[in-house]
């Protein structure tokens, strides 16, 4: 996606156009999905036995895993000395806002839940159970590479690097 934007294959409006139609749904919707995936991923679930699997519907005993800034392009970090995004949606009924600095490092993440529940949060591509990822913290939770949040409907959790 960044290659397409950098080489001006996609106009500044990010609307993909060209033959056979002026509006191409795969480019327009797929491109924005790719941008969101660089900032937030939530297609994995943690099960009660500690295993990590892709999200499936209709299963019980699973907790969403939210990966923040898994593939932030370095050019996004450098432009303007950092950046932010609000309103990203994660599986499990979570709304996420992110801020990062000019080095591409997380400043903080605001996670708001639609319901009472739990979610695991990690930074980047840290492997589940890894001890060498960036430690995270949130009010009322212990510092961890994978932070387990217990959420209440409508309440915000602020997650920051330790």
C-alpha atoms as a PDB file:
ATOM      1  CA  UNK A   1       0.000   0.000   0.000  1.00  0.00           C
ATOM      2  CA  UNK A   2       2.702   2.501   0.929  1.00  0.00           C
ATOM      3  CA  UNK A   3       4.468   1.727  -2.348  1.00  0.00           C
ATOM      4  CA  UNK A   4       1.314   2.602  -4.267  1.00  0.00           C
ATOM      5  CA  UNK A   5       0.829   5.885  -2.408  1.00  0.00           C
ATOM      6  CA  UNK A   6       4.527   6.856  -2.609  1.00  0.00           C
ATOM      7  CA  UNK A   7       4.622   6.208  -6.352  1.00  0.00           C
ATOM      8  CA  UNK A   8       1.369   8.124  -6.846  1.00  0.00           C
ATOM      9  CA  UNK A   9      -0.438   5.105  -8.261  1.00  0.00           C
ATOM     10  CA  UNK A  10      -3.260   6.138  -5.944  1.00  0.00           C
ATOM     11  CA  UNK A  11      -4.350   9.791  -5.851  1.00  0.00           C
ATOM     12  CA  UNK A  12      -4.071  11.899  -2.674  1.00  0.00           C
ATOM     13  CA  UNK A  13      -7.738  11.164  -1.926  1.00  0.00           C
ATOM     14  CA  UNK A  14      -6.750   7.464  -1.568  1.00  0.00           C
ATOM     15  CA  UNK A  15      -9.573   6.590  -3.970  1.00  0.00           C
ATOM     16  CA  UNK A  16      -8.418   3.974  -6.466  1.00  0.00           C
ATOM     17  CA  UNK A  17      -9.529   4.606 -10.037  1.00  0.00           C
ATOM     18  CA  UNK A  18      -8.903   3.319 -13.510  1.00  0.00           C
ATOM     19  CA  UNK A  19     -10.241   0.916 -16.115  1.00  0.00           C
ATOM     20  CA  UNK A  20     -12.691  -0.741 -16.190  1.00  0.00           C
ATOM     21  CA  UNK A  21     -14.433   1.544 -13.638  1.00  0.00           C
ATOM     22  CA  UNK A  22     -13.786   4.893 -12.007  1.00  0.00           C
ATOM     23  CA  UNK A  23     -14.312   3.441  -8.550  1.00  0.00           C
ATOM     24  CA  UNK A  24     -12.742   0.076  -7.774  1.00  0.00           C
ATOM     25  CA  UNK A  25     -13.970  -1.453  -4.543  1.00  0.00           C
ATOM     26  CA  UNK A  26     -10.979  -3.738  -3.970  1.00  0.00           C
ATOM     27  CA  UNK A  27      -8.535  -0.845  -4.131  1.00  0.00           C
ATOM     28  CA  UNK A  28     -10.665   1.605  -2.180  1.00  0.00           C
ATOM     29  CA  UNK A  29     -11.732  -0.658   0.654  1.00  0.00           C
ATOM     30  CA  UNK A  30      -8.717  -2.960   0.619  1.00  0.00           C
ATOM     31  CA  UNK A  31      -6.308  -0.034   0.745  1.00  0.00           C
ATOM     32  CA  UNK A  32      -7.879   1.472   3.854  1.00  0.00           C
ATOM     33  CA  UNK A  33      -7.986  -1.945   5.506  1.00  0.00           C
ATOM     34  CA  UNK A  34      -4.245  -2.303   4.878  1.00  0.00           C
ATOM     35  CA  UNK A  35      -3.618   1.080   6.513  1.00  0.00           C
ATOM     36  CA  UNK A  36      -5.630   0.054   9.584  1.00  0.00           C
ATOM     37  CA  UNK A  37      -3.823  -3.324   9.810  1.00  0.00           C
ATOM     38  CA  UNK A  38      -0.465  -1.503   9.992  1.00  0.00           C
ATOM     39  CA  UNK A  39      -1.700   0.229  13.154  1.00  0.00           C
ATOM     40  CA  UNK A  40      -3.872  -2.402  14.861  1.00  0.00           C
ATOM     41  CA  UNK A  41      -4.469  -6.123  14.505  1.00  0.00           C
ATOM     42  CA  UNK A  42      -6.997  -8.204  16.417  1.00  0.00           C
ATOM     43  CA  UNK A  43      -7.499 -11.359  14.379  1.00  0.00           C
ATOM     44  CA  UNK A  44      -6.033 -13.643  17.082  1.00  0.00           C
ATOM     45  CA  UNK A  45      -7.602 -15.001  20.264  1.00  0.00           C
ATOM     46  CA  UNK A  46      -6.034 -16.395  23.423  1.00  0.00           C
ATOM     47  CA  UNK A  47      -7.780 -19.497  24.737  1.00  0.00           C
ATOM     48  CA  UNK A  48      -8.104 -20.627  28.355  1.00  0.00           C
ATOM     49  CA  UNK A  49      -5.304 -23.177  27.834  1.00  0.00           C
ATOM     50  CA  UNK A  50      -2.944 -20.355  26.745  1.00  0.00           C
ATOM     51  CA  UNK A  51      -2.889 -21.238  23.054  1.00  0.00           C
ATOM     52  CA  UNK A  52      -3.027 -18.536  20.405  1.00  0.00           C
ATOM     53  CA  UNK A  53      -5.304 -19.117  17.413  1.00  0.00           C
ATOM     54  CA  UNK A  54      -6.978 -17.110  14.673  1.00  0.00           C
ATOM     55  CA  UNK A  55     -10.379 -15.756  15.659  1.00  0.00           C
ATOM     56  CA  UNK A  56     -13.300 -18.073  14.988  1.00  0.00           C
ATOM     57  CA  UNK A  57     -16.963 -17.317  15.553  1.00  0.00           C
ATOM     58  CA  UNK A  58     -19.127 -19.425  17.837  1.00  0.00           C
ATOM     59  CA  UNK A  59     -16.341 -20.561  20.158  1.00  0.00           C
ATOM     60  CA  UNK A  60     -16.287 -20.016  23.915  1.00  0.00           C
ATOM     61  CA  UNK A  61     -13.414 -19.506  26.323  1.00  0.00           C
ATOM     62  CA  UNK A  62     -11.496 -17.050  24.146  1.00  0.00           C
ATOM     63  CA  UNK A  63     -10.081 -13.603  24.909  1.00  0.00           C
ATOM     64  CA  UNK A  64      -9.253 -11.131  22.100  1.00  0.00           C
ATOM     65  CA  UNK A  65      -5.577 -10.277  21.511  1.00  0.00           C
ATOM     66  CA  UNK A  66      -5.019  -6.680  20.379  1.00  0.00           C
ATOM     67  CA  UNK A  67      -1.656  -5.972  18.733  1.00  0.00           C
ATOM     68  CA  UNK A  68      -0.875  -2.251  18.690  1.00  0.00           C
ATOM     69  CA  UNK A  69       1.476  -0.775  16.073  1.00  0.00           C
ATOM     70  CA  UNK A  70       2.393  -4.155  14.537  1.00  0.00           C
ATOM     71  CA  UNK A  71       3.696  -2.654  11.270  1.00  0.00           C
ATOM     72  CA  UNK A  72       3.969   1.123  11.604  1.00  0.00           C
ATOM     73  CA  UNK A  73       5.875   2.399   8.549  1.00  0.00           C
ATOM     74  CA  UNK A  74       8.944   4.421   9.604  1.00  0.00           C
ATOM     75  CA  UNK A  75       7.903   7.216   7.231  1.00  0.00           C
ATOM     76  CA  UNK A  76       4.677   7.711   9.202  1.00  0.00           C
ATOM     77  CA  UNK A  77       6.646   8.156  12.414  1.00  0.00           C
ATOM     78  CA  UNK A  78       9.070  10.684  10.944  1.00  0.00           C
ATOM     79  CA  UNK A  79       6.498  12.944   9.282  1.00  0.00           C
ATOM     80  CA  UNK A  80       5.581  15.628  11.795  1.00  0.00           C
ATOM     81  CA  UNK A  81       7.539  13.965  14.591  1.00  0.00           C
ATOM     82  CA  UNK A  82       4.963  11.272  15.314  1.00  0.00           C
ATOM     83  CA  UNK A  83       1.294  10.666  14.828  1.00  0.00           C
ATOM     84  CA  UNK A  84      -2.015   9.470  16.166  1.00  0.00           C
ATOM     85  CA  UNK A  85      -5.182   7.690  15.141  1.00  0.00           C
ATOM     86  CA  UNK A  86      -8.568   7.396  16.848  1.00  0.00           C
ATOM     87  CA  UNK A  87     -11.611   5.225  16.316  1.00  0.00           C
ATOM     88  CA  UNK A  88      -9.961   1.980  15.207  1.00  0.00           C
ATOM     89  CA  UNK A  89     -12.163  -1.034  15.956  1.00  0.00           C
ATOM     90  CA  UNK A  90     -10.765  -4.270  17.353  1.00  0.00           C
ATOM     91  CA  UNK A  91     -12.544  -7.609  17.531  1.00  0.00           C
ATOM     92  CA  UNK A  92     -14.420  -8.221  20.746  1.00  0.00           C
ATOM     93  CA  UNK A  93     -16.061  -4.783  20.843  1.00  0.00           C
ATOM     94  CA  UNK A  94     -13.094  -2.479  21.504  1.00  0.00           C
ATOM     95  CA  UNK A  95     -12.401   1.014  20.158  1.00  0.00           C
ATOM     96  CA  UNK A  96      -8.717   1.967  20.097  1.00  0.00           C
ATOM     97  CA  UNK A  97      -6.856   5.261  19.812  1.00  0.00           C
ATOM     98  CA  UNK A  98      -3.056   5.334  19.408  1.00  0.00           C
ATOM     99  CA  UNK A  99      -0.302   7.961  19.677  1.00  0.00           C
ATOM    100  CA  UNK A 100       3.321   7.361  18.629  1.00  0.00           C
ATOM    101  CA  UNK A 101       6.469   9.488  18.624  1.00  0.00           C
ATOM    102  CA  UNK A 102       8.913  10.426  15.843  1.00  0.00           C
ATOM    103  CA  UNK A 103      10.815   7.159  16.334  1.00  0.00           C
ATOM    104  CA  UNK A 104       7.671   5.076  15.842  1.00  0.00           C
ATOM    105  CA  UNK A 105       7.461   4.185  19.547  1.00  0.00           C
ATOM    106  CA  UNK A 106       4.100   4.002  21.292  1.00  0.00           C
ATOM    107  CA  UNK A 107       3.288   6.961  23.544  1.00  0.00           C
ATOM    108  CA  UNK A 108      -0.041   5.534  24.675  1.00  0.00           C
ATOM    109  CA  UNK A 109      -3.080   3.569  23.573  1.00  0.00           C
ATOM    110  CA  UNK A 110      -6.621   4.289  24.732  1.00  0.00           C
ATOM    111  CA  UNK A 111      -8.835   1.191  24.674  1.00  0.00           C
ATOM    112  CA  UNK A 112     -12.576   1.539  25.290  1.00  0.00           C
ATOM    113  CA  UNK A 113     -14.762  -1.536  25.619  1.00  0.00           C
ATOM    114  CA  UNK A 114     -18.385  -1.832  24.500  1.00  0.00           C
ATOM    115  CA  UNK A 115     -19.034  -4.380  27.260  1.00  0.00           C
ATOM    116  CA  UNK A 116     -17.615  -5.932  30.407  1.00  0.00           C
ATOM    117  CA  UNK A 117     -14.901  -8.410  29.511  1.00  0.00           C
ATOM    118  CA  UNK A 118     -11.221  -9.065  28.976  1.00  0.00           C
ATOM    119  CA  UNK A 119      -8.611  -8.466  26.316  1.00  0.00           C
ATOM    120  CA  UNK A 120      -4.902  -9.109  25.978  1.00  0.00           C
ATOM    121  CA  UNK A 121      -2.833  -6.229  24.590  1.00  0.00           C
ATOM    122  CA  UNK A 122       0.699  -6.391  23.189  1.00  0.00           C
ATOM    123  CA  UNK A 123       2.974  -4.064  21.286  1.00  0.00           C
ATOM    124  CA  UNK A 124       4.060  -4.967  17.763  1.00  0.00           C
ATOM    125  CA  UNK A 125       4.764  -8.554  16.791  1.00  0.00           C
ATOM    126  CA  UNK A 126       5.719  -9.838  20.254  1.00  0.00           C
ATOM    127  CA  UNK A 127       5.196 -13.598  20.351  1.00  0.00           C
ATOM    128  CA  UNK A 128       2.752 -14.848  22.987  1.00  0.00           C
ATOM    129  CA  UNK A 129       4.734 -15.850  26.058  1.00  0.00           C
ATOM    130  CA  UNK A 130       7.838 -13.917  24.964  1.00  0.00           C
ATOM    131  CA  UNK A 131       9.829 -12.102  27.626  1.00  0.00           C
ATOM    132  CA  UNK A 132      11.782  -9.895  25.229  1.00  0.00           C
ATOM    133  CA  UNK A 133       8.990  -7.635  23.969  1.00  0.00           C
ATOM    134  CA  UNK A 134       8.288  -4.098  25.177  1.00  0.00           C
ATOM    135  CA  UNK A 135       6.712  -4.115  28.638  1.00  0.00           C
ATOM    136  CA  UNK A 136       3.315  -2.427  28.932  1.00  0.00           C
ATOM    137  CA  UNK A 137       1.397  -1.013  31.876  1.00  0.00           C
ATOM    138  CA  UNK A 138      -2.103   0.160  32.653  1.00  0.00           C
ATOM    139  CA  UNK A 139      -3.673   1.529  35.820  1.00  0.00           C
ATOM    140  CA  UNK A 140      -4.564  -1.344  38.130  1.00  0.00           C
ATOM    141  CA  UNK A 141      -2.682  -3.970  36.092  1.00  0.00           C
ATOM    142  CA  UNK A 142       0.761  -5.444  36.560  1.00  0.00           C
ATOM    143  CA  UNK A 143       3.472  -4.662  34.005  1.00  0.00           C
ATOM    144  CA  UNK A 144       3.684  -7.345  31.350  1.00  0.00           C
ATOM    145  CA  UNK A 145       4.716  -8.056  27.771  1.00  0.00           C
ATOM    146  CA  UNK A 146       1.118  -9.207  27.258  1.00  0.00           C
ATOM    147  CA  UNK A 147      -1.142  -7.049  29.351  1.00  0.00           C
ATOM    148  CA  UNK A 148      -4.469  -8.628  30.325  1.00  0.00           C
ATOM    149  CA  UNK A 149      -7.117  -5.929  30.687  1.00  0.00           C
ATOM    150  CA  UNK A 150     -10.341  -6.490  32.575  1.00  0.00           C
ATOM    151  CA  UNK A 151     -12.731  -3.970  31.090  1.00  0.00           C
ATOM    152  CA  UNK A 152     -16.088  -2.417  31.940  1.00  0.00           C
ATOM    153  CA  UNK A 153     -18.554  -1.167  29.353  1.00  0.00           C
ATOM    154  CA  UNK A 154     -17.773   2.404  28.313  1.00  0.00           C
ATOM    155  CA  UNK A 155     -14.641   2.701  30.457  1.00  0.00           C
ATOM    156  CA  UNK A 156     -11.257   3.640  28.996  1.00  0.00           C
ATOM    157  CA  UNK A 157      -7.996   1.807  29.686  1.00  0.00           C
ATOM    158  CA  UNK A 158      -4.798   3.754  28.990  1.00  0.00           C
ATOM    159  CA  UNK A 159      -1.872   1.510  28.027  1.00  0.00           C
ATOM    160  CA  UNK A 160       1.720   2.852  27.948  1.00  0.00           C
ATOM    161  CA  UNK A 161       5.189   1.347  27.569  1.00  0.00           C
ATOM    162  CA  UNK A 162       7.031   0.875  30.860  1.00  0.00           C
END
